[in-house]
Amino acid sequence: MTQSRLDNWALMPGTLVEIRRKGRHVRAGRVDAVSLDAELLWLANDGAVPRQLFEKAEGHEVWSCDAVADERPLPV
């Protein structure tokens, strides 16, 4: 799996990403929404894990993930 850090959070909804903080994995999931200023990012709910907000100002980093094998759409 190839990953790269994404400094521009203006992502399209549905992108599979990994959230890290201080070099450690926090959560992985699909981007549900991004704020207009691209400083806030929501990951979509995933089963029992609820939708979650992440802030750049709190030190969160977004890393891309190759998702060739995982093409599931966002839940409606």
PDB file of N, CA and C in Angstrom:
ATOM      1  N   MET A   1       0.844  -1.181   0.000  1.00  0.00           N
ATOM      2  CA  MET A   1       0.000   0.000   0.000  1.00  0.00           C
ATOM      3  C   MET A   1       0.889   1.244   0.000  1.00  0.00           C
ATOM      4  N   THR A   2       0.674   2.131  -0.967  1.00  0.00           N
ATOM      5  CA  THR A   2       1.435   3.367  -1.062  1.00  0.00           C
ATOM      6  C   THR A   2       0.674   4.470  -0.346  1.00  0.00           C
ATOM      7  N   GLN A   3       1.383   5.203   0.501  1.00  0.00           N
ATOM      8  CA  GLN A   3       0.751   6.305   1.214  1.00  0.00           C
ATOM      9  C   GLN A   3       1.596   7.556   1.052  1.00  0.00           C
ATOM     10  N   SER A   4       0.937   8.701   1.042  1.00  0.00           N
ATOM     11  CA  SER A   4       1.637   9.974   1.044  1.00  0.00           C
ATOM     12  C   SER A   4       0.829  10.969   1.864  1.00  0.00           C
ATOM     13  N   ARG A   5       1.550  11.855   2.547  1.00  0.00           N
ATOM     14  CA  ARG A   5       0.894  12.864   3.380  1.00  0.00           C
ATOM     15  C   ARG A   5       0.241  13.908   2.482  1.00  0.00           C
ATOM     16  N   LEU A   6      -0.992  14.279   2.831  1.00  0.00           N
ATOM     17  CA  LEU A   6      -1.748  15.278   2.089  1.00  0.00           C
ATOM     18  C   LEU A   6      -1.826  16.550   2.922  1.00  0.00           C
ATOM     19  N   ASP A   7      -1.109  17.576   2.516  1.00  0.00           N
ATOM     20  CA  ASP A   7      -1.123  18.835   3.258  1.00  0.00           C
ATOM     21  C   ASP A   7      -2.338  19.687   2.912  1.00  0.00           C
ATOM     22  N   ASN A   8      -2.876  19.521   1.713  1.00  0.00           N
ATOM     23  CA  ASN A   8      -4.068  20.242   1.307  1.00  0.00           C
ATOM     24  C   ASN A   8      -5.272  19.357   1.598  1.00  0.00           C
ATOM     25  N   TRP A   9      -6.062  19.736   2.575  1.00  0.00           N
ATOM     26  CA  TRP A   9      -7.195  18.919   3.006  1.00  0.00           C
ATOM     27  C   TRP A   9      -8.425  19.090   2.138  1.00  0.00           C
ATOM     28  N   ALA A  10      -8.327  19.844   1.072  1.00  0.00           N
ATOM     29  CA  ALA A  10      -9.478  20.046   0.191  1.00  0.00           C
ATOM     30  C   ALA A  10      -9.681  18.777  -0.641  1.00  0.00           C
ATOM     31  N   LEU A  11     -10.146  17.721   0.006  1.00  0.00           N
ATOM     32  CA  LEU A  11     -10.313  16.411  -0.616  1.00  0.00           C
ATOM     33  C   LEU A  11     -11.743  16.224  -1.093  1.00  0.00           C
ATOM     34  N   MET A  12     -11.890  15.350  -2.056  1.00  0.00           N
ATOM     35  CA  MET A  12     -13.220  14.990  -2.518  1.00  0.00           C
ATOM     36  C   MET A  12     -13.831  13.989  -1.545  1.00  0.00           C
ATOM     37  N   PRO A  13     -15.100  14.142  -1.204  1.00  0.00           N
ATOM     38  CA  PRO A  13     -15.747  13.139  -0.365  1.00  0.00           C
ATOM     39  C   PRO A  13     -15.629  11.752  -0.999  1.00  0.00           C
ATOM     40  N   GLY A  14     -15.424  10.773  -0.161  1.00  0.00           N
ATOM     41  CA  GLY A  14     -15.294   9.413  -0.636  1.00  0.00           C
ATOM     42  C   GLY A  14     -13.861   8.914  -0.695  1.00  0.00           C
ATOM     43  N   THR A  15     -12.880   9.811  -0.526  1.00  0.00           N
ATOM     44  CA  THR A  15     -11.477   9.420  -0.566  1.00  0.00           C
ATOM     45  C   THR A  15     -11.118   8.625   0.686  1.00  0.00           C
ATOM     46  N   LEU A  16     -10.447   7.508   0.504  1.00  0.00           N
ATOM     47  CA  LEU A  16     -10.005   6.683   1.619  1.00  0.00           C
ATOM     48  C   LEU A  16      -8.698   7.249   2.154  1.00  0.00           C
ATOM     49  N   VAL A  17      -8.652   7.564   3.458  1.00  0.00           N
ATOM     50  CA  VAL A  17      -7.473   8.180   4.070  1.00  0.00           C
ATOM     51  C   VAL A  17      -7.164   7.543   5.419  1.00  0.00           C
ATOM     52  N   GLU A  18      -5.979   7.841   5.911  1.00  0.00           N
ATOM     53  CA  GLU A  18      -5.578   7.484   7.271  1.00  0.00           C
ATOM     54  C   GLU A  18      -5.302   8.780   8.011  1.00  0.00           C
ATOM     55  N   ILE A  19      -5.792   8.895   9.240  1.00  0.00           N
ATOM     56  CA  ILE A  19      -5.532  10.048  10.088  1.00  0.00           C
ATOM     57  C   ILE A  19      -4.419   9.656  11.056  1.00  0.00           C
ATOM     58  N   ARG A  20      -3.415  10.524  11.165  1.00  0.00           N
ATOM     59  CA  ARG A  20      -2.318  10.303  12.115  1.00  0.00           C
ATOM     60  C   ARG A  20      -2.124  11.538  12.969  1.00  0.00           C
ATOM     61  N   ARG A  21      -1.602  11.318  14.160  1.00  0.00           N
ATOM     62  CA  ARG A  21      -1.254  12.421  15.054  1.00  0.00           C
ATOM     63  C   ARG A  21       0.022  12.026  15.777  1.00  0.00           C
ATOM     64  N   LYS A  22       1.015  12.889  15.720  1.00  0.00           N
ATOM     65  CA  LYS A  22       2.326  12.626  16.313  1.00  0.00           C
ATOM     66  C   LYS A  22       2.908  11.321  15.784  1.00  0.00           C
ATOM     67  N   GLY A  23       2.706  11.055  14.497  1.00  0.00           N
ATOM     68  CA  GLY A  23       3.257   9.878  13.860  1.00  0.00           C
ATOM     69  C   GLY A  23       2.523   8.582  14.133  1.00  0.00           C
ATOM     70  N   ARG A  24       1.429   8.641  14.873  1.00  0.00           N
ATOM     71  CA  ARG A  24       0.682   7.428  15.219  1.00  0.00           C
ATOM     72  C   ARG A  24      -0.675   7.389  14.538  1.00  0.00           C
ATOM     73  N   HIS A  25      -1.073   6.178  14.179  1.00  0.00           N
ATOM     74  CA  HIS A  25      -2.373   5.952  13.559  1.00  0.00           C
ATOM     75  C   HIS A  25      -3.490   6.317  14.540  1.00  0.00           C
ATOM     76  N   VAL A  26      -4.453   7.103  14.064  1.00  0.00           N
ATOM     77  CA  VAL A  26      -5.632   7.458  14.864  1.00  0.00           C
ATOM     78  C   VAL A  26      -6.853   6.721  14.329  1.00  0.00           C
ATOM     79  N   ARG A  27      -7.063   6.831  13.029  1.00  0.00           N
ATOM     80  CA  ARG A  27      -8.226   6.208  12.411  1.00  0.00           C
ATOM     81  C   ARG A  27      -8.063   6.222  10.896  1.00  0.00           C
ATOM     82  N   ALA A  28      -8.676   5.285  10.248  1.00  0.00           N
ATOM     83  CA  ALA A  28      -8.726   5.274   8.786  1.00  0.00           C
ATOM     84  C   ALA A  28     -10.189   5.257   8.380  1.00  0.00           C
ATOM     85  N   GLY A  29     -10.481   5.825   7.231  1.00  0.00           N
ATOM     86  CA  GLY A  29     -11.851   5.826   6.758  1.00  0.00           C
ATOM     87  C   GLY A  29     -12.017   6.699   5.541  1.00  0.00           C
ATOM     88  N   ARG A  30     -13.262   6.885   5.162  1.00  0.00           N
ATOM     89  CA  ARG A  30     -13.587   7.703   3.993  1.00  0.00           C
ATOM     90  C   ARG A  30     -13.935   9.120   4.416  1.00  0.00           C
ATOM     91  N   VAL A  31     -13.419  10.087   3.643  1.00  0.00           N
ATOM     92  CA  VAL A  31     -13.720  11.491   3.907  1.00  0.00           C
ATOM     93  C   VAL A  31     -15.189  11.726   3.589  1.00  0.00           C
ATOM     94  N   ASP A  32     -15.894  12.263   4.573  1.00  0.00           N
ATOM     95  CA  ASP A  32     -17.312  12.579   4.398  1.00  0.00           C
ATOM     96  C   ASP A  32     -17.472  14.029   3.947  1.00  0.00           C
ATOM     97  N   ALA A  33     -16.706  14.940   4.566  1.00  0.00           N
ATOM     98  CA  ALA A  33     -16.801  16.362   4.235  1.00  0.00           C
ATOM     99  C   ALA A  33     -15.543  17.082   4.713  1.00  0.00           C
ATOM    100  N   VAL A  34     -15.293  18.247   4.090  1.00  0.00           N
ATOM    101  CA  VAL A  34     -14.162  19.107   4.461  1.00  0.00           C
ATOM    102  C   VAL A  34     -14.715  20.518   4.572  1.00  0.00           C
ATOM    103  N   SER A  35     -14.249  21.273   5.585  1.00  0.00           N
ATOM    104  CA  SER A  35     -14.704  22.659   5.738  1.00  0.00           C
ATOM    105  C   SER A  35     -14.216  23.502   4.562  1.00  0.00           C
ATOM    106  N   LEU A  36     -14.859  24.636   4.330  1.00  0.00           N
ATOM    107  CA  LEU A  36     -14.508  25.503   3.212  1.00  0.00           C
ATOM    108  C   LEU A  36     -13.064  25.988   3.274  1.00  0.00           C
ATOM    109  N   ASP A  37     -12.549  26.201   4.492  1.00  0.00           N
ATOM    110  CA  ASP A  37     -11.158  26.650   4.628  1.00  0.00           C
ATOM    111  C   ASP A  37     -10.169  25.483   4.679  1.00  0.00           C
ATOM    112  N   ALA A  38     -10.664  24.258   4.542  1.00  0.00           N
ATOM    113  CA  ALA A  38      -9.857  23.027   4.522  1.00  0.00           C
ATOM    114  C   ALA A  38      -9.040  22.845   5.798  1.00  0.00           C
ATOM    115  N   GLU A  39      -9.574  23.291   6.929  1.00  0.00           N
ATOM    116  CA  GLU A  39      -8.911  23.118   8.225  1.00  0.00           C
ATOM    117  C   GLU A  39      -9.568  22.024   9.067  1.00  0.00           C
ATOM    118  N   LEU A  40     -10.784  21.622   8.681  1.00  0.00           N
ATOM    119  CA  LEU A  40     -11.539  20.579   9.379  1.00  0.00           C
ATOM    120  C   LEU A  40     -11.928  19.498   8.388  1.00  0.00           C
ATOM    121  N   LEU A  41     -11.924  18.260   8.868  1.00  0.00           N
ATOM    122  CA  LEU A  41     -12.256  17.134   8.007  1.00  0.00           C
ATOM    123  C   LEU A  41     -13.091  16.142   8.809  1.00  0.00           C
ATOM    124  N   TRP A  42     -14.159  15.635   8.210  1.00  0.00           N
ATOM    125  CA  TRP A  42     -15.000  14.622   8.840  1.00  0.00           C
ATOM    126  C   TRP A  42     -14.789  13.288   8.136  1.00  0.00           C
ATOM    127  N   LEU A  43     -14.626  12.243   8.921  1.00  0.00           N
ATOM    128  CA  LEU A  43     -14.641  10.900   8.360  1.00  0.00           C
ATOM    129  C   LEU A  43     -16.037  10.341   8.537  1.00  0.00           C
ATOM    130  N   ALA A  44     -16.514   9.633   7.547  1.00  0.00           N
ATOM    131  CA  ALA A  44     -17.855   9.049   7.568  1.00  0.00           C
ATOM    132  C   ALA A  44     -17.953   7.960   8.626  1.00  0.00           C
ATOM    133  N   ASN A  45     -19.167   7.714   9.086  1.00  0.00           N
ATOM    134  CA  ASN A  45     -19.380   6.607  10.012  1.00  0.00           C
ATOM    135  C   ASN A  45     -19.009   5.298   9.324  1.00  0.00           C
ATOM    136  N   ASP A  46     -18.577   4.340  10.117  1.00  0.00           N
ATOM    137  CA  ASP A  46     -18.179   3.031   9.589  1.00  0.00           C
ATOM    138  C   ASP A  46     -18.676   1.981  10.566  1.00  0.00           C
ATOM    139  N   GLY A  47     -19.835   1.419  10.283  1.00  0.00           N
ATOM    140  CA  GLY A  47     -20.432   0.451  11.195  1.00  0.00           C
ATOM    141  C   GLY A  47     -20.768   1.120  12.518  1.00  0.00           C
ATOM    142  N   ALA A  48     -20.209   0.595  13.606  1.00  0.00           N
ATOM    143  CA  ALA A  48     -20.482   1.141  14.936  1.00  0.00           C
ATOM    144  C   ALA A  48     -19.636   2.376  15.254  1.00  0.00           C
ATOM    145  N   VAL A  49     -18.664   2.698  14.402  1.00  0.00           N
ATOM    146  CA  VAL A  49     -17.798   3.866  14.628  1.00  0.00           C
ATOM    147  C   VAL A  49     -18.492   5.087  14.030  1.00  0.00           C
ATOM    148  N   PRO A  50     -18.804   6.101  14.864  1.00  0.00           N
ATOM    149  CA  PRO A  50     -19.558   7.253  14.373  1.00  0.00           C
ATOM    150  C   PRO A  50     -18.706   8.189  13.512  1.00  0.00           C
ATOM    151  N   ARG A  51     -19.393   9.078  12.818  1.00  0.00           N
ATOM    152  CA  ARG A  51     -18.741  10.152  12.058  1.00  0.00           C
ATOM    153  C   ARG A  51     -17.842  10.912  13.026  1.00  0.00           C
ATOM    154  N   GLN A  52     -16.658  11.325  12.567  1.00  0.00           N
ATOM    155  CA  GLN A  52     -15.700  11.950  13.480  1.00  0.00           C
ATOM    156  C   GLN A  52     -15.023  13.136  12.814  1.00  0.00           C
ATOM    157  N   LEU A  53     -14.799  14.205  13.605  1.00  0.00           N
ATOM    158  CA  LEU A  53     -14.194  15.446  13.150  1.00  0.00           C
ATOM    159  C   LEU A  53     -12.720  15.475  13.533  1.00  0.00           C
ATOM    160  N   PHE A  54     -11.863  15.950  12.614  1.00  0.00           N
ATOM    161  CA  PHE A  54     -10.436  16.116  12.872  1.00  0.00           C
ATOM    162  C   PHE A  54     -10.019  17.521  12.470  1.00  0.00           C
ATOM    163  N   GLU A  55      -9.129  18.139  13.272  1.00  0.00           N
ATOM    164  CA  GLU A  55      -8.661  19.498  13.033  1.00  0.00           C
ATOM    165  C   GLU A  55      -7.170  19.531  12.774  1.00  0.00           C
ATOM    166  N   LYS A  56      -6.766  20.305  11.761  1.00  0.00           N
ATOM    167  CA  LYS A  56      -5.340  20.505  11.509  1.00  0.00           C
ATOM    168  C   LYS A  56      -4.665  21.137  12.722  1.00  0.00           C
ATOM    169  N   ALA A  57      -5.327  22.103  13.336  1.00  0.00           N
ATOM    170  CA  ALA A  57      -4.746  22.849  14.462  1.00  0.00           C
ATOM    171  C   ALA A  57      -4.411  21.948  15.646  1.00  0.00           C
ATOM    172  N   GLU A  58      -5.042  20.773  15.726  1.00  0.00           N
ATOM    173  CA  GLU A  58      -4.765  19.835  16.818  1.00  0.00           C
ATOM    174  C   GLU A  58      -3.639  18.859  16.467  1.00  0.00           C
ATOM    175  N   GLY A  59      -2.995  19.073  15.311  1.00  0.00           N
ATOM    176  CA  GLY A  59      -1.862  18.246  14.930  1.00  0.00           C
ATOM    177  C   GLY A  59      -2.204  17.009  14.125  1.00  0.00           C
ATOM    178  N   HIS A  60      -3.428  16.893  13.656  1.00  0.00           N
ATOM    179  CA  HIS A  60      -3.807  15.739  12.842  1.00  0.00           C
ATOM    180  C   HIS A  60      -3.219  15.873  11.435  1.00  0.00           C
ATOM    181  N   GLU A  61      -2.791  14.752  10.888  1.00  0.00           N
ATOM    182  CA  GLU A  61      -2.286  14.678   9.520  1.00  0.00           C
ATOM    183  C   GLU A  61      -3.161  13.711   8.736  1.00  0.00           C
ATOM    184  N   VAL A  62      -3.312  13.979   7.442  1.00  0.00           N
ATOM    185  CA  VAL A  62      -4.086  13.111   6.570  1.00  0.00           C
ATOM    186  C   VAL A  62      -3.123  12.451   5.592  1.00  0.00           C
ATOM    187  N   TRP A  63      -3.224  11.134   5.492  1.00  0.00           N
ATOM    188  CA  TRP A  63      -2.391  10.352   4.585  1.00  0.00           C
ATOM    189  C   TRP A  63      -3.296   9.630   3.603  1.00  0.00           C
ATOM    190  N   SER A  64      -2.909   9.626   2.341  1.00  0.00           N
ATOM    191  CA  SER A  64      -3.688   8.934   1.319  1.00  0.00           C
ATOM    192  C   SER A  64      -3.449   7.437   1.413  1.00  0.00           C
ATOM    193  N   CYS A  65      -4.399   6.686   0.899  1.00  0.00           N
ATOM    194  CA  CYS A  65      -4.296   5.226   0.866  1.00  0.00           C
ATOM    195  C   CYS A  65      -4.680   4.758  -0.523  1.00  0.00           C
ATOM    196  N   ASP A  66      -3.964   3.748  -1.028  1.00  0.00           N
ATOM    197  CA  ASP A  66      -4.402   3.102  -2.266  1.00  0.00           C
ATOM    198  C   ASP A  66      -5.613   2.264  -1.918  1.00  0.00           C
ATOM    199  N   ALA A  67      -6.689   2.462  -2.624  1.00  0.00           N
ATOM    200  CA  ALA A  67      -7.933   1.767  -2.288  1.00  0.00           C
ATOM    201  C   ALA A  67      -8.465   0.969  -3.463  1.00  0.00           C
ATOM    202  N   VAL A  68      -7.584   0.410  -4.242  1.00  0.00           N
ATOM    203  CA  VAL A  68      -8.023  -0.336  -5.421  1.00  0.00           C
ATOM    204  C   VAL A  68      -8.948  -1.480  -5.038  1.00  0.00           C
ATOM    205  N   ALA A  69      -8.638  -2.170  -3.942  1.00  0.00           N
ATOM    206  CA  ALA A  69      -9.440  -3.322  -3.526  1.00  0.00           C
ATOM    207  C   ALA A  69     -10.686  -2.925  -2.754  1.00  0.00           C
ATOM    208  N   ASP A  70     -10.806  -1.647  -2.371  1.00  0.00           N
ATOM    209  CA  ASP A  70     -11.927  -1.207  -1.547  1.00  0.00           C
ATOM    210  C   ASP A  70     -12.654  -0.076  -2.254  1.00  0.00           C
ATOM    211  N   GLU A  71     -13.616  -0.392  -3.076  1.00  0.00           N
ATOM    212  CA  GLU A  71     -14.339   0.596  -3.842  1.00  0.00           C
ATOM    213  C   GLU A  71     -15.769   0.769  -3.363  1.00  0.00           C
ATOM    214  N   ARG A  72     -16.024   0.465  -2.088  1.00  0.00           N
ATOM    215  CA  ARG A  72     -17.376   0.600  -1.550  1.00  0.00           C
ATOM    216  C   ARG A  72     -17.802   2.078  -1.523  1.00  0.00           C
ATOM    217  N   PRO A  73     -19.033   2.379  -1.879  1.00  0.00           N
ATOM    218  CA  PRO A  73     -19.511   3.759  -1.791  1.00  0.00           C
ATOM    219  C   PRO A  73     -19.785   4.139  -0.338  1.00  0.00           C
ATOM    220  N   LEU A  74     -19.906   5.436  -0.100  1.00  0.00           N
ATOM    221  CA  LEU A  74     -20.277   5.910   1.223  1.00  0.00           C
ATOM    222  C   LEU A  74     -21.677   5.423   1.570  1.00  0.00           C
ATOM    223  N   PRO A  75     -21.935   5.135   2.844  1.00  0.00           N
ATOM    224  CA  PRO A  75     -23.302   4.736   3.236  1.00  0.00           C
ATOM    225  C   PRO A  75     -24.261   5.902   3.050  1.00  0.00           C
ATOM    226  N   VAL A  76     -25.506   5.586   2.723  1.00  0.00           N
ATOM    227  CA  VAL A  76     -26.511   6.635   2.475  1.00  0.00           C
ATOM    228  C   VAL A  76     -27.375   6.792   3.688  1.00  0.00           C
TER     229      VAL A  76
END
